[in-house]
Amino acid sequence: MKADIFGLGETWSEEGYPEQVFDNFSSFSDLKPKGLGRGKGLSVYSRLGTSFRKFSSASGKVSAILKRLKKVHIIFLYLSMNFNWEELKSVFNDWICDDKPTVIIGDCNWHSDHIHPMKTFLENRGYLQCMTRSTHEKGYKIDHLYICPLVQNLTYKIVQQSIHYSDHDIIGIKIKGDF
């Protein structure tokens, strides 16, 4: 695998699931909301350092992991339908630094073409939603990838790939540089 960092959203792993299952990825962080059913988990694997911050709402509807690298921050999300926006907004206000290139990526479970307070919040901060095609088998863009103005000034490429046995596409960003 060529990636230095990647996340898996809507994981169905159980407590006790092996944490380090990908070779050459030295650090790992995950959230598995306890007692709230399967499919609400979020896992992040990295070759670049071990520092993570995590947030999981009491309802299990908001899962977020922040990976801070020297030159860029990445926020991975899994949001259940009808999540509490105010909870996530508080996390964004705490984690987003206007002076640090930031990427926000994940399964948000709302169509990005619709009006939503999260979309308005990020657009007001200059973030660009990069997914232009459907990411879900039902024709919606529910997997989002936002980049802040500082990332928009870097050399990057958005990637999207349909895969077998999943109702979601794989989405990602390749950013040129040493991080």
Foldseek 3Di string as FASTA:
>chain_A
DPDQKDKDAQAQDDPVPDFPDDPQFPEKDKDDQPPQHGRLMMMMTGNADHDKDWDADNNSQWTWIWDDDPAEIEIEIHGHPPHDVVVVVVVCVVPDDLVGKYKYWYQQPDALVDDDPVNVVQVVQAKDWPDDWAFFQVTGNRITMITHPVQVPFDKDWDWADDPPDRGIDIDMDTDDDD
